């Protein structure tokens, strides 16, 4: 069985060159200044550590931006005064996945990833399943369970 060109994983250097500018831009919008530079380095260090475990080269942009969002969230957590709850409006103008980062904080990792990929990147469940290494039905269930948890946490009901 032949591997499709789209699913091949490019060398890390190629991946880095293709995504570095966008990742740095997102981190600068989210963190600004020196914190963005440090977060940029941490993002690609995490990506490098996980790169050899990737099973295909699809959705690498979404993957690295999710890593960047998680690094930015870690920076915000470390620097946010205790008890302060950020509002989504505070990060207005940033991509949806950044806004979803704070909202989905605390969800189980699979549910969090499914919610972010579905509602932050507007991916269909087939693509989410590929990214999660699961079936489309499992991806749908993970996103649904994540949304239910969020509704419970925020006191909202399904309408």
C-alpha atoms as a PDB file:
ATOM      1  CA  UNK A   1       0.000   0.000   0.000  1.00  0.00           C
ATOM      2  CA  UNK A   2       1.490   3.343  -1.031  1.00  0.00           C
ATOM      3  CA  UNK A   3       1.655   6.211   1.391  1.00  0.00           C
ATOM      4  CA  UNK A   4       0.096   9.405   0.051  1.00  0.00           C
ATOM      5  CA  UNK A   5       2.299  12.453  -0.339  1.00  0.00           C
ATOM      6  CA  UNK A   6      -0.009  14.484   1.939  1.00  0.00           C
ATOM      7  CA  UNK A   7       0.405  12.061   4.826  1.00  0.00           C
ATOM      8  CA  UNK A   8       4.223  11.965   4.795  1.00  0.00           C
ATOM      9  CA  UNK A   9       5.905  13.729   7.653  1.00  0.00           C
ATOM     10  CA  UNK A  10       8.380  16.321   6.366  1.00  0.00           C
ATOM     11  CA  UNK A  11      11.803  16.709   7.960  1.00  0.00           C
ATOM     12  CA  UNK A  12      11.557  18.763  11.151  1.00  0.00           C
ATOM     13  CA  UNK A  13      13.579  21.589   9.614  1.00  0.00           C
ATOM     14  CA  UNK A  14      11.030  21.926   6.792  1.00  0.00           C
ATOM     15  CA  UNK A  15       8.152  21.833   9.281  1.00  0.00           C
ATOM     16  CA  UNK A  16       9.871  24.517  11.375  1.00  0.00           C
ATOM     17  CA  UNK A  17      10.464  26.858   8.419  1.00  0.00           C
ATOM     18  CA  UNK A  18       6.855  26.466   7.238  1.00  0.00           C
ATOM     19  CA  UNK A  19       5.283  27.295  10.611  1.00  0.00           C
ATOM     20  CA  UNK A  20       7.702  29.463  12.602  1.00  0.00           C
ATOM     21  CA  UNK A  21       6.391  32.863  11.475  1.00  0.00           C
ATOM     22  CA  UNK A  22       2.749  32.070  12.182  1.00  0.00           C
ATOM     23  CA  UNK A  23       3.556  30.506  15.561  1.00  0.00           C
ATOM     24  CA  UNK A  24       5.639  33.506  16.599  1.00  0.00           C
ATOM     25  CA  UNK A  25       2.869  35.875  15.464  1.00  0.00           C
ATOM     26  CA  UNK A  26       0.248  34.057  17.504  1.00  0.00           C
ATOM     27  CA  UNK A  27       2.476  34.015  20.568  1.00  0.00           C
ATOM     28  CA  UNK A  28       3.314  37.706  20.224  1.00  0.00           C
ATOM     29  CA  UNK A  29      -0.396  38.557  20.098  1.00  0.00           C
ATOM     30  CA  UNK A  30      -1.072  36.404  23.112  1.00  0.00           C
ATOM     31  CA  UNK A  31       1.983  37.154  25.260  1.00  0.00           C
ATOM     32  CA  UNK A  32       3.950  40.044  23.778  1.00  0.00           C
ATOM     33  CA  UNK A  33       7.687  40.735  24.025  1.00  0.00           C
ATOM     34  CA  UNK A  34      10.220  38.440  25.639  1.00  0.00           C
ATOM     35  CA  UNK A  35       7.564  36.048  26.895  1.00  0.00           C
ATOM     36  CA  UNK A  36       6.592  35.318  23.274  1.00  0.00           C
ATOM     37  CA  UNK A  37      10.203  34.584  22.338  1.00  0.00           C
ATOM     38  CA  UNK A  38      10.578  32.165  25.243  1.00  0.00           C
ATOM     39  CA  UNK A  39       7.226  30.541  24.452  1.00  0.00           C
ATOM     40  CA  UNK A  40       8.263  30.215  20.799  1.00  0.00           C
ATOM     41  CA  UNK A  41      11.350  28.261  21.786  1.00  0.00           C
ATOM     42  CA  UNK A  42       9.349  26.085  24.173  1.00  0.00           C
ATOM     43  CA  UNK A  43       6.725  25.403  21.475  1.00  0.00           C
ATOM     44  CA  UNK A  44       9.232  24.073  18.985  1.00  0.00           C
ATOM     45  CA  UNK A  45      11.129  22.178  21.673  1.00  0.00           C
ATOM     46  CA  UNK A  46       7.893  20.360  22.592  1.00  0.00           C
ATOM     47  CA  UNK A  47       7.154  19.781  18.911  1.00  0.00           C
ATOM     48  CA  UNK A  48      10.635  18.358  18.335  1.00  0.00           C
ATOM     49  CA  UNK A  49      10.283  15.997  21.288  1.00  0.00           C
ATOM     50  CA  UNK A  50       6.981  14.639  19.922  1.00  0.00           C
ATOM     51  CA  UNK A  51       7.807  14.794  16.211  1.00  0.00           C
ATOM     52  CA  UNK A  52       9.109  11.245  15.861  1.00  0.00           C
ATOM     53  CA  UNK A  53       5.855   9.907  17.342  1.00  0.00           C
ATOM     54  CA  UNK A  54       3.636  11.477  14.661  1.00  0.00           C
ATOM     55  CA  UNK A  55       1.859   8.928  12.508  1.00  0.00           C
ATOM     56  CA  UNK A  56       1.162  11.215   9.523  1.00  0.00           C
ATOM     57  CA  UNK A  57       1.941  14.686   8.234  1.00  0.00           C
ATOM     58  CA  UNK A  58      -1.617  15.978   8.029  1.00  0.00           C
ATOM     59  CA  UNK A  59      -2.820  18.897  10.150  1.00  0.00           C
ATOM     60  CA  UNK A  60       0.676  19.868  11.272  1.00  0.00           C
ATOM     61  CA  UNK A  61      -0.359  23.528  11.371  1.00  0.00           C
ATOM     62  CA  UNK A  62      -3.222  22.788  13.772  1.00  0.00           C
ATOM     63  CA  UNK A  63      -0.944  20.558  15.810  1.00  0.00           C
ATOM     64  CA  UNK A  64       1.811  23.136  16.278  1.00  0.00           C
ATOM     65  CA  UNK A  65      -0.669  25.960  16.949  1.00  0.00           C
ATOM     66  CA  UNK A  66      -2.274  23.817  19.640  1.00  0.00           C
ATOM     67  CA  UNK A  67       1.154  23.317  21.211  1.00  0.00           C
ATOM     68  CA  UNK A  68       1.750  27.090  21.029  1.00  0.00           C
ATOM     69  CA  UNK A  69      -1.637  27.757  22.636  1.00  0.00           C
ATOM     70  CA  UNK A  70      -0.848  25.338  25.455  1.00  0.00           C
ATOM     71  CA  UNK A  71       2.555  26.961  26.031  1.00  0.00           C
ATOM     72  CA  UNK A  72       0.919  30.409  26.092  1.00  0.00           C
ATOM     73  CA  UNK A  73      -1.654  29.145  28.592  1.00  0.00           C
ATOM     74  CA  UNK A  74       1.131  27.797  30.779  1.00  0.00           C
ATOM     75  CA  UNK A  75       2.819  31.213  30.697  1.00  0.00           C
ATOM     76  CA  UNK A  76      -0.466  32.956  31.548  1.00  0.00           C
ATOM     77  CA  UNK A  77      -1.060  30.556  34.447  1.00  0.00           C
ATOM     78  CA  UNK A  78       2.398  31.192  35.859  1.00  0.00           C
ATOM     79  CA  UNK A  79       2.055  34.960  35.618  1.00  0.00           C
ATOM     80  CA  UNK A  80      -1.658  35.431  36.420  1.00  0.00           C
ATOM     81  CA  UNK A  81      -2.406  36.594  39.954  1.00  0.00           C
ATOM     82  CA  UNK A  82      -4.160  33.939  42.019  1.00  0.00           C
ATOM     83  CA  UNK A  83      -7.940  34.091  41.818  1.00  0.00           C
ATOM     84  CA  UNK A  84      -8.092  36.176  38.662  1.00  0.00           C
ATOM     85  CA  UNK A  85     -10.461  34.704  36.086  1.00  0.00           C
ATOM     86  CA  UNK A  86      -9.792  35.932  32.551  1.00  0.00           C
ATOM     87  CA  UNK A  87     -12.780  36.716  30.379  1.00  0.00           C
ATOM     88  CA  UNK A  88     -12.885  35.674  26.739  1.00  0.00           C
ATOM     89  CA  UNK A  89     -13.189  39.329  25.780  1.00  0.00           C
ATOM     90  CA  UNK A  90      -9.720  39.846  27.287  1.00  0.00           C
ATOM     91  CA  UNK A  91      -8.197  37.928  24.387  1.00  0.00           C
ATOM     92  CA  UNK A  92     -10.523  39.382  21.755  1.00  0.00           C
ATOM     93  CA  UNK A  93      -9.031  39.451  18.294  1.00  0.00           C
ATOM     94  CA  UNK A  94      -6.985  36.297  18.784  1.00  0.00           C
ATOM     95  CA  UNK A  95      -7.768  33.110  16.882  1.00  0.00           C
ATOM     96  CA  UNK A  96     -10.616  31.021  18.261  1.00  0.00           C
ATOM     97  CA  UNK A  97      -8.276  28.307  19.522  1.00  0.00           C
ATOM     98  CA  UNK A  98      -6.636  30.799  21.885  1.00  0.00           C
ATOM     99  CA  UNK A  99     -10.005  31.841  23.292  1.00  0.00           C
ATOM    100  CA  UNK A 100     -10.990  28.200  23.654  1.00  0.00           C
ATOM    101  CA  UNK A 101      -7.762  27.488  25.520  1.00  0.00           C
ATOM    102  CA  UNK A 102      -8.846  29.243  28.704  1.00  0.00           C
ATOM    103  CA  UNK A 103     -12.399  27.948  28.397  1.00  0.00           C
ATOM    104  CA  UNK A 104     -11.335  24.315  27.956  1.00  0.00           C
ATOM    105  CA  UNK A 105      -8.660  24.404  30.636  1.00  0.00           C
ATOM    106  CA  UNK A 106      -9.264  21.500  32.970  1.00  0.00           C
ATOM    107  CA  UNK A 107     -11.033  19.220  30.495  1.00  0.00           C
ATOM    108  CA  UNK A 108      -9.572  15.752  29.957  1.00  0.00           C
ATOM    109  CA  UNK A 109      -6.968  16.013  27.195  1.00  0.00           C
ATOM    110  CA  UNK A 110      -8.921  14.105  24.521  1.00  0.00           C
ATOM    111  CA  UNK A 111     -12.077  16.126  25.141  1.00  0.00           C
ATOM    112  CA  UNK A 112     -10.103  19.359  25.171  1.00  0.00           C
ATOM    113  CA  UNK A 113      -8.394  18.516  21.882  1.00  0.00           C
ATOM    114  CA  UNK A 114     -11.688  17.486  20.278  1.00  0.00           C
ATOM    115  CA  UNK A 115     -13.437  20.704  21.358  1.00  0.00           C
ATOM    116  CA  UNK A 116     -10.545  22.907  20.198  1.00  0.00           C
ATOM    117  CA  UNK A 117     -10.199  21.141  16.845  1.00  0.00           C
ATOM    118  CA  UNK A 118     -13.962  21.172  16.221  1.00  0.00           C
ATOM    119  CA  UNK A 119     -14.852  24.670  17.379  1.00  0.00           C
ATOM    120  CA  UNK A 120     -11.485  26.446  17.142  1.00  0.00           C
ATOM    121  CA  UNK A 121     -10.419  25.058  13.783  1.00  0.00           C
ATOM    122  CA  UNK A 122     -13.817  23.988  12.420  1.00  0.00           C
ATOM    123  CA  UNK A 123     -12.485  20.553  11.494  1.00  0.00           C
ATOM    124  CA  UNK A 124     -14.950  17.782  10.688  1.00  0.00           C
ATOM    125  CA  UNK A 125     -15.014  14.656  12.833  1.00  0.00           C
ATOM    126  CA  UNK A 126     -13.124  12.589  10.270  1.00  0.00           C
ATOM    127  CA  UNK A 127     -10.179  14.972  10.485  1.00  0.00           C
ATOM    128  CA  UNK A 128     -10.423  15.218  14.275  1.00  0.00           C
ATOM    129  CA  UNK A 129     -10.385  11.421  14.432  1.00  0.00           C
ATOM    130  CA  UNK A 130      -7.194  11.373  12.375  1.00  0.00           C
ATOM    131  CA  UNK A 131      -5.562  13.905  14.663  1.00  0.00           C
ATOM    132  CA  UNK A 132      -6.626  12.003  17.788  1.00  0.00           C
ATOM    133  CA  UNK A 133      -5.926   8.544  16.382  1.00  0.00           C
ATOM    134  CA  UNK A 134      -9.522   7.464  16.928  1.00  0.00           C
ATOM    135  CA  UNK A 135     -12.729   6.881  15.009  1.00  0.00           C
ATOM    136  CA  UNK A 136     -14.980   9.737  13.854  1.00  0.00           C
ATOM    137  CA  UNK A 137     -17.628   8.530  16.307  1.00  0.00           C
ATOM    138  CA  UNK A 138     -15.136   8.625  19.196  1.00  0.00           C
ATOM    139  CA  UNK A 139     -14.083  12.125  18.119  1.00  0.00           C
ATOM    140  CA  UNK A 140     -17.733  13.236  18.055  1.00  0.00           C
ATOM    141  CA  UNK A 141     -18.307  11.718  21.504  1.00  0.00           C
ATOM    142  CA  UNK A 142     -15.195  13.406  22.921  1.00  0.00           C
ATOM    143  CA  UNK A 143     -16.276  16.818  21.598  1.00  0.00           C
ATOM    144  CA  UNK A 144     -19.810  16.274  22.882  1.00  0.00           C
ATOM    145  CA  UNK A 145     -18.592  15.186  26.316  1.00  0.00           C
ATOM    146  CA  UNK A 146     -16.299  18.213  26.469  1.00  0.00           C
ATOM    147  CA  UNK A 147     -19.126  20.585  25.607  1.00  0.00           C
ATOM    148  CA  UNK A 148     -21.366  18.947  28.250  1.00  0.00           C
ATOM    149  CA  UNK A 149     -18.635  19.423  30.874  1.00  0.00           C
ATOM    150  CA  UNK A 150     -18.230  23.055  29.860  1.00  0.00           C
ATOM    151  CA  UNK A 151     -21.978  23.637  30.115  1.00  0.00           C
ATOM    152  CA  UNK A 152     -22.045  22.022  33.543  1.00  0.00           C
ATOM    153  CA  UNK A 153     -19.074  24.097  34.673  1.00  0.00           C
ATOM    154  CA  UNK A 154     -20.554  27.370  33.437  1.00  0.00           C
ATOM    155  CA  UNK A 155     -24.125  26.535  34.489  1.00  0.00           C
ATOM    156  CA  UNK A 156     -25.456  26.716  30.927  1.00  0.00           C
ATOM    157  CA  UNK A 157     -28.037  24.392  29.508  1.00  0.00           C
ATOM    158  CA  UNK A 158     -28.217  23.020  26.001  1.00  0.00           C
ATOM    159  CA  UNK A 159     -30.680  25.107  24.077  1.00  0.00           C
END
